[in-house]
Amino acid sequence: MYQRIVVGTDGSPTAERAVQVAGGLALMTGAALHVVSAYKPARIAALVCVGGGNPRYGEEDRLAAKAVLDQALASLPQASMPATTTICRLGDAADVLLTVAEEVAADLLVIGNRAVVGVRRCRLGAVADRVAHLAPCSVHIVNA
């Protein structure tokens, strides 16, 4: 049924539930699972020049998003681990999810219905709405 599933996570309880649902679907169908987390620098001051003037955007935010992916990966059943990849990208959550779904030719995109996270208070409800309207594949919105 499904060959490639993309799931988005920001570490919120709703996103954790979406990861579990996507992991279960991947396990049942034998699909490859791509766990995605998007990040943006918290402030414009996050632009830092390192070494020879190479710009690095929001390194702390990237590391936080990577930690969210590591936690999501650790929560998945061991049987689905070989077919699971993580993707951490700078950008708007909806844009990143849509781009990754297109890049991997996803059959299904799984996201939570809403969440409020940290100081940024990102609404996953808005992301879910945008993804549902623009996705290049079927979308499963997990109601948590």
C-alpha atoms as a PDB file:
ATOM      1  CA  MET A   1       0.000   0.000   0.000  1.00  0.00           C
ATOM      2  CA  TYR A   2       2.544   2.644   1.117  1.00  0.00           C
ATOM      3  CA  GLN A   3       6.185   2.609   0.059  1.00  0.00           C
ATOM      4  CA  ARG A   4       7.413   5.948   1.442  1.00  0.00           C
ATOM      5  CA  ILE A   5       5.939   7.776   4.440  1.00  0.00           C
ATOM      6  CA  VAL A   6       7.003  11.235   5.610  1.00  0.00           C
ATOM      7  CA  VAL A   7       6.170  12.387   9.146  1.00  0.00           C
ATOM      8  CA  GLY A   8       6.817  15.807  10.625  1.00  0.00           C
ATOM      9  CA  THR A   9       7.790  16.406  14.235  1.00  0.00           C
ATOM     10  CA  ASP A  10       8.593  19.362  16.446  1.00  0.00           C
ATOM     11  CA  GLY A  11       8.830  17.324  19.646  1.00  0.00           C
ATOM     12  CA  SER A  12       5.359  18.276  20.882  1.00  0.00           C
ATOM     13  CA  PRO A  13       2.997  15.612  22.268  1.00  0.00           C
ATOM     14  CA  THR A  14       0.843  15.885  19.131  1.00  0.00           C
ATOM     15  CA  ALA A  15       3.872  15.399  16.883  1.00  0.00           C
ATOM     16  CA  GLU A  16       5.067  12.485  19.020  1.00  0.00           C
ATOM     17  CA  ARG A  17       1.693  10.854  18.445  1.00  0.00           C
ATOM     18  CA  ALA A  18       2.021  11.465  14.685  1.00  0.00           C
ATOM     19  CA  VAL A  19       5.458   9.788  14.735  1.00  0.00           C
ATOM     20  CA  GLN A  20       3.984   6.755  16.500  1.00  0.00           C
ATOM     21  CA  VAL A  21       1.139   6.491  13.990  1.00  0.00           C
ATOM     22  CA  ALA A  22       3.534   6.868  11.043  1.00  0.00           C
ATOM     23  CA  GLY A  23       5.904   4.314  12.578  1.00  0.00           C
ATOM     24  CA  GLY A  24       3.059   1.847  12.995  1.00  0.00           C
ATOM     25  CA  LEU A  25       1.924   2.351   9.404  1.00  0.00           C
ATOM     26  CA  ALA A  26       5.492   1.924   8.131  1.00  0.00           C
ATOM     27  CA  LEU A  27       5.868  -1.249  10.159  1.00  0.00           C
ATOM     28  CA  MET A  28       2.560  -2.691   8.890  1.00  0.00           C
ATOM     29  CA  THR A  29       3.167  -1.824   5.242  1.00  0.00           C
ATOM     30  CA  GLY A  30       6.960  -2.199   5.032  1.00  0.00           C
ATOM     31  CA  ALA A  31       7.252   1.417   3.910  1.00  0.00           C
ATOM     32  CA  ALA A  32      10.377   3.523   4.303  1.00  0.00           C
ATOM     33  CA  LEU A  33       9.831   6.165   6.981  1.00  0.00           C
ATOM     34  CA  HIS A  34      11.290   9.677   6.707  1.00  0.00           C
ATOM     35  CA  VAL A  35      11.065  11.630   9.981  1.00  0.00           C
ATOM     36  CA  VAL A  36      11.386  15.371   9.329  1.00  0.00           C
ATOM     37  CA  SER A  37      11.982  18.351  11.597  1.00  0.00           C
ATOM     38  CA  ALA A  38      12.189  21.948  10.394  1.00  0.00           C
ATOM     39  CA  TYR A  39      13.857  24.760  12.280  1.00  0.00           C
ATOM     40  CA  LYS A  40      14.308  28.493  11.982  1.00  0.00           C
ATOM     41  CA  PRO A  41      16.778  30.660  13.847  1.00  0.00           C
ATOM     42  CA  ALA A  42      15.010  32.237  16.815  1.00  0.00           C
ATOM     43  CA  ARG A  43      16.350  35.687  15.922  1.00  0.00           C
ATOM     44  CA  ILE A  44      18.165  37.430  13.110  1.00  0.00           C
ATOM     45  CA  ALA A  45      21.078  37.596  15.573  1.00  0.00           C
ATOM     46  CA  ALA A  46      21.456  33.846  15.047  1.00  0.00           C
ATOM     47  CA  LEU A  47      23.542  34.625  11.956  1.00  0.00           C
ATOM     48  CA  VAL A  48      27.112  34.048  13.082  1.00  0.00           C
ATOM     49  CA  CYS A  49      30.265  34.066  11.000  1.00  0.00           C
ATOM     50  CA  VAL A  50      32.507  31.131  11.757  1.00  0.00           C
ATOM     51  CA  GLY A  51      36.153  30.629  10.795  1.00  0.00           C
ATOM     52  CA  GLY A  52      36.784  32.066   7.341  1.00  0.00           C
ATOM     53  CA  GLY A  53      33.528  34.004   7.270  1.00  0.00           C
ATOM     54  CA  ASN A  54      31.269  31.069   6.460  1.00  0.00           C
ATOM     55  CA  PRO A  55      27.751  31.980   7.668  1.00  0.00           C
ATOM     56  CA  ARG A  56      26.006  29.541   9.985  1.00  0.00           C
ATOM     57  CA  TYR A  57      22.334  30.007  10.694  1.00  0.00           C
ATOM     58  CA  GLY A  58      20.921  29.172  14.099  1.00  0.00           C
ATOM     59  CA  GLU A  59      23.265  26.340  15.066  1.00  0.00           C
ATOM     60  CA  GLU A  60      21.481  25.992  18.435  1.00  0.00           C
ATOM     61  CA  ASP A  61      18.142  25.679  16.663  1.00  0.00           C
ATOM     62  CA  ARG A  62      19.538  23.054  14.289  1.00  0.00           C
ATOM     63  CA  LEU A  63      20.912  21.057  17.205  1.00  0.00           C
ATOM     64  CA  ALA A  64      17.568  21.305  19.013  1.00  0.00           C
ATOM     65  CA  ALA A  65      15.755  20.031  15.901  1.00  0.00           C
ATOM     66  CA  LYS A  66      18.288  17.194  15.590  1.00  0.00           C
ATOM     67  CA  ALA A  67      17.643  16.267  19.241  1.00  0.00           C
ATOM     68  CA  VAL A  68      13.903  16.135  18.472  1.00  0.00           C
ATOM     69  CA  LEU A  69      14.638  13.760  15.578  1.00  0.00           C
ATOM     70  CA  ASP A  70      16.873  11.581  17.758  1.00  0.00           C
ATOM     71  CA  GLN A  71      14.108  11.364  20.369  1.00  0.00           C
ATOM     72  CA  ALA A  72      11.518  10.478  17.706  1.00  0.00           C
ATOM     73  CA  LEU A  73      13.807   7.806  16.266  1.00  0.00           C
ATOM     74  CA  ALA A  74      14.373   6.302  19.722  1.00  0.00           C
ATOM     75  CA  SER A  75      10.605   6.086  20.281  1.00  0.00           C
ATOM     76  CA  LEU A  76       9.958   3.996  17.161  1.00  0.00           C
ATOM     77  CA  PRO A  77       9.709   0.202  17.250  1.00  0.00           C
ATOM     78  CA  GLN A  78      13.109  -1.390  16.597  1.00  0.00           C
ATOM     79  CA  ALA A  79      11.701  -3.373  13.672  1.00  0.00           C
ATOM     80  CA  SER A  80      11.104  -0.173  11.663  1.00  0.00           C
ATOM     81  CA  MET A  81      14.581   1.259  12.308  1.00  0.00           C
ATOM     82  CA  PRO A  82      16.388  -0.089   9.192  1.00  0.00           C
ATOM     83  CA  ALA A  83      13.986   1.706   6.835  1.00  0.00           C
ATOM     84  CA  THR A  84      13.913   4.976   8.810  1.00  0.00           C
ATOM     85  CA  THR A  85      15.777   8.160   7.935  1.00  0.00           C
ATOM     86  CA  THR A  86      15.798  11.553   9.627  1.00  0.00           C
ATOM     87  CA  ILE A  87      15.844  14.891   7.855  1.00  0.00           C
ATOM     88  CA  CYS A  88      16.572  18.179   9.608  1.00  0.00           C
ATOM     89  CA  ARG A  89      16.197  21.355   7.511  1.00  0.00           C
ATOM     90  CA  LEU A  90      16.175  25.096   7.897  1.00  0.00           C
ATOM     91  CA  GLY A  91      12.842  26.577   6.855  1.00  0.00           C
ATOM     92  CA  ASP A  92       9.146  26.901   7.480  1.00  0.00           C
ATOM     93  CA  ALA A  93       7.647  23.626   8.736  1.00  0.00           C
ATOM     94  CA  ALA A  94       5.001  23.326   6.007  1.00  0.00           C
ATOM     95  CA  ASP A  95       7.458  24.203   3.227  1.00  0.00           C
ATOM     96  CA  VAL A  96      10.027  21.706   4.476  1.00  0.00           C
ATOM     97  CA  LEU A  97       7.460  18.895   4.779  1.00  0.00           C
ATOM     98  CA  LEU A  98       6.064  19.565   1.314  1.00  0.00           C
ATOM     99  CA  THR A  99       9.540  19.700  -0.226  1.00  0.00           C
ATOM    100  CA  VAL A 100      10.696  16.475   1.423  1.00  0.00           C
ATOM    101  CA  ALA A 101       7.471  14.676   0.451  1.00  0.00           C
ATOM    102  CA  GLU A 102       8.082  15.684  -3.141  1.00  0.00           C
ATOM    103  CA  GLU A 103      11.802  14.791  -3.069  1.00  0.00           C
ATOM    104  CA  VAL A 104      11.238  11.272  -1.744  1.00  0.00           C
ATOM    105  CA  ALA A 105       8.067  10.722  -3.801  1.00  0.00           C
ATOM    106  CA  ALA A 106       6.085  10.067  -0.618  1.00  0.00           C
ATOM    107  CA  ASP A 107       2.855   8.105  -0.753  1.00  0.00           C
ATOM    108  CA  LEU A 108       1.712   9.483   2.603  1.00  0.00           C
ATOM    109  CA  LEU A 109       2.506  12.507   4.745  1.00  0.00           C
ATOM    110  CA  VAL A 110       1.618  12.224   8.460  1.00  0.00           C
ATOM    111  CA  ILE A 111       1.350  15.227  10.785  1.00  0.00           C
ATOM    112  CA  GLY A 112      -0.316  16.156  14.048  1.00  0.00           C
ATOM    113  CA  ASN A 113      -3.286  18.474  14.073  1.00  0.00           C
ATOM    114  CA  ARG A 114      -1.919  21.176  16.352  1.00  0.00           C
ATOM    115  CA  ALA A 115       0.764  22.080  18.869  1.00  0.00           C
ATOM    116  CA  VAL A 116       2.239  24.991  20.735  1.00  0.00           C
ATOM    117  CA  VAL A 117       5.973  24.703  21.302  1.00  0.00           C
ATOM    118  CA  GLY A 118       8.318  26.838  23.395  1.00  0.00           C
ATOM    119  CA  VAL A 119       8.823  30.552  23.035  1.00  0.00           C
ATOM    120  CA  ARG A 120       8.060  30.546  19.310  1.00  0.00           C
ATOM    121  CA  ARG A 121       4.572  29.105  19.897  1.00  0.00           C
ATOM    122  CA  CYS A 122       4.340  27.632  16.407  1.00  0.00           C
ATOM    123  CA  ARG A 123       0.845  26.446  15.576  1.00  0.00           C
ATOM    124  CA  LEU A 124       0.949  23.076  13.894  1.00  0.00           C
ATOM    125  CA  GLY A 125      -2.742  23.564  13.095  1.00  0.00           C
ATOM    126  CA  ALA A 126      -1.760  26.131  10.474  1.00  0.00           C
ATOM    127  CA  VAL A 127       0.919  23.766   9.165  1.00  0.00           C
ATOM    128  CA  ALA A 128      -1.563  20.891   8.959  1.00  0.00           C
ATOM    129  CA  ASP A 129      -4.014  23.068   7.054  1.00  0.00           C
ATOM    130  CA  ARG A 130      -1.383  24.203   4.562  1.00  0.00           C
ATOM    131  CA  VAL A 131       0.060  20.715   4.082  1.00  0.00           C
ATOM    132  CA  ALA A 132      -3.416  19.218   3.585  1.00  0.00           C
ATOM    133  CA  HIS A 133      -4.106  21.669   0.771  1.00  0.00           C
ATOM    134  CA  LEU A 134      -0.737  21.529  -1.000  1.00  0.00           C
ATOM    135  CA  ALA A 135       0.664  18.032  -0.443  1.00  0.00           C
ATOM    136  CA  PRO A 136       1.759  16.004  -3.480  1.00  0.00           C
ATOM    137  CA  CYS A 137       0.429  12.837  -1.797  1.00  0.00           C
ATOM    138  CA  SER A 138      -2.204  11.633   0.661  1.00  0.00           C
ATOM    139  CA  VAL A 139      -2.166  13.273   4.094  1.00  0.00           C
ATOM    140  CA  HIS A 140      -3.003  11.688   7.444  1.00  0.00           C
ATOM    141  CA  ILE A 141      -3.683  14.308  10.123  1.00  0.00           C
ATOM    142  CA  VAL A 142      -3.403  12.659  13.525  1.00  0.00           C
ATOM    143  CA  ASN A 143      -5.952  14.032  15.972  1.00  0.00           C
ATOM    144  CA  ALA A 144      -4.201  14.063  19.323  1.00  0.00           C
END
